[in-house]
Amino acid sequence: MTHAENMMDPFNIGLYAIEAGLVGIVIYAMAVLPALFKSMI
């Protein structure tokens, strides 16, 4: 399999989606949690 075919593999696409989701969640948490803590304190 070439690299391009490997990237189009559904399993790899799923992994990329999961990784992108995790990164997005971490960035979202870093942006939102400090604001939540400020409003609580």
N, C-alpha and C. Protein backbone atom coordinates (compact mmCIF):
# COMPACT_ATOMS: atom_id res chain seq x y z
N MET A 1 0.85 -1.20 0.00
CA MET A 1 0.00 0.00 0.00
C MET A 1 0.88 1.25 0.00
N THR A 2 0.49 2.21 -0.80
CA THR A 2 1.21 3.48 -0.80
C THR A 2 0.77 4.30 0.41
N HIS A 3 1.49 5.37 0.66
CA HIS A 3 1.16 6.22 1.81
C HIS A 3 -0.24 6.82 1.63
N ALA A 4 -0.57 7.24 0.41
CA ALA A 4 -1.87 7.86 0.16
C ALA A 4 -2.99 6.86 0.43
N GLU A 5 -2.84 5.62 -0.03
CA GLU A 5 -3.86 4.61 0.22
C GLU A 5 -3.98 4.33 1.72
N ASN A 6 -2.84 4.30 2.40
CA ASN A 6 -2.85 4.04 3.84
C ASN A 6 -3.60 5.15 4.58
N MET A 7 -3.44 6.38 4.15
CA MET A 7 -4.12 7.50 4.82
C MET A 7 -5.63 7.43 4.60
N MET A 8 -6.06 6.83 3.49
CA MET A 8 -7.49 6.75 3.22
C MET A 8 -8.13 5.52 3.87
N ASP A 9 -7.36 4.75 4.61
CA ASP A 9 -7.90 3.57 5.28
C ASP A 9 -8.91 4.01 6.34
N PRO A 10 -10.08 3.42 6.38
CA PRO A 10 -11.11 3.87 7.35
C PRO A 10 -10.62 3.83 8.79
N PHE A 11 -9.85 2.80 9.14
CA PHE A 11 -9.36 2.70 10.52
C PHE A 11 -8.45 3.89 10.84
N ASN A 12 -7.56 4.24 9.89
CA ASN A 12 -6.68 5.38 10.12
C ASN A 12 -7.47 6.67 10.20
N ILE A 13 -8.48 6.81 9.36
CA ILE A 13 -9.32 8.01 9.41
C ILE A 13 -9.97 8.12 10.79
N GLY A 14 -10.42 6.98 11.32
CA GLY A 14 -11.01 6.99 12.66
C GLY A 14 -10.01 7.43 13.71
N LEU A 15 -8.77 6.93 13.59
CA LEU A 15 -7.74 7.34 14.55
C LEU A 15 -7.47 8.83 14.44
N TYR A 16 -7.36 9.34 13.20
CA TYR A 16 -7.12 10.77 13.03
C TYR A 16 -8.26 11.58 13.63
N ALA A 17 -9.51 11.12 13.44
CA ALA A 17 -10.66 11.84 13.98
C ALA A 17 -10.62 11.85 15.51
N ILE A 18 -10.26 10.70 16.10
CA ILE A 18 -10.18 10.62 17.56
C ILE A 18 -9.09 11.56 18.08
N GLU A 19 -7.92 11.54 17.41
CA GLU A 19 -6.83 12.41 17.86
C GLU A 19 -7.22 13.88 17.74
N ALA A 20 -7.85 14.24 16.62
CA ALA A 20 -8.27 15.62 16.42
C ALA A 20 -9.30 16.01 17.49
N GLY A 21 -10.21 15.08 17.82
CA GLY A 21 -11.20 15.35 18.85
C GLY A 21 -10.56 15.55 20.21
N LEU A 22 -9.59 14.72 20.54
CA LEU A 22 -8.91 14.85 21.83
C LEU A 22 -8.18 16.19 21.91
N VAL A 23 -7.48 16.56 20.84
CA VAL A 23 -6.78 17.85 20.84
C VAL A 23 -7.78 18.98 21.01
N GLY A 24 -8.91 18.89 20.29
CA GLY A 24 -9.93 19.93 20.40
C GLY A 24 -10.49 20.03 21.82
N ILE A 25 -10.71 18.87 22.44
CA ILE A 25 -11.24 18.86 23.82
C ILE A 25 -10.24 19.49 24.78
N VAL A 26 -8.96 19.16 24.62
CA VAL A 26 -7.93 19.73 25.51
C VAL A 26 -7.87 21.25 25.35
N ILE A 27 -7.87 21.71 24.09
CA ILE A 27 -7.81 23.16 23.86
C ILE A 27 -9.06 23.83 24.42
N TYR A 28 -10.22 23.21 24.20
CA TYR A 28 -11.48 23.76 24.71
C TYR A 28 -11.45 23.82 26.24
N ALA A 29 -10.96 22.75 26.87
CA ALA A 29 -10.90 22.71 28.33
C ALA A 29 -9.97 23.80 28.85
N MET A 30 -8.81 23.97 28.18
CA MET A 30 -7.86 24.99 28.63
C MET A 30 -8.47 26.39 28.50
N ALA A 31 -9.36 26.59 27.51
CA ALA A 31 -9.97 27.89 27.31
C ALA A 31 -11.13 28.11 28.28
N VAL A 32 -11.90 27.04 28.58
CA VAL A 32 -13.15 27.20 29.32
C VAL A 32 -12.97 27.01 30.83
N LEU A 33 -12.13 26.05 31.23
CA LEU A 33 -12.03 25.76 32.67
C LEU A 33 -11.58 26.96 33.50
N PRO A 34 -10.58 27.74 33.09
CA PRO A 34 -10.21 28.90 33.92
C PRO A 34 -11.38 29.86 34.12
N ALA A 35 -12.20 30.06 33.09
CA ALA A 35 -13.36 30.95 33.23
C ALA A 35 -14.36 30.35 34.22
N LEU A 36 -14.56 29.03 34.17
CA LEU A 36 -15.49 28.39 35.11
C LEU A 36 -14.97 28.53 36.55
N PHE A 37 -13.67 28.32 36.74
CA PHE A 37 -13.12 28.43 38.10
C PHE A 37 -13.25 29.87 38.60
N LYS A 38 -13.02 30.85 37.73
CA LYS A 38 -13.14 32.25 38.16
C LYS A 38 -14.56 32.55 38.60
N SER A 39 -15.55 32.01 37.87
CA SER A 39 -16.93 32.30 38.24
C SER A 39 -17.33 31.57 39.52
N MET A 40 -16.67 30.45 39.81
CA MET A 40 -17.00 29.70 41.05
C MET A 40 -16.37 30.38 42.27
N ILE A 41 -15.16 30.86 42.11
CA ILE A 41 -14.45 31.41 43.28
C ILE A 41 -15.00 32.81 43.60
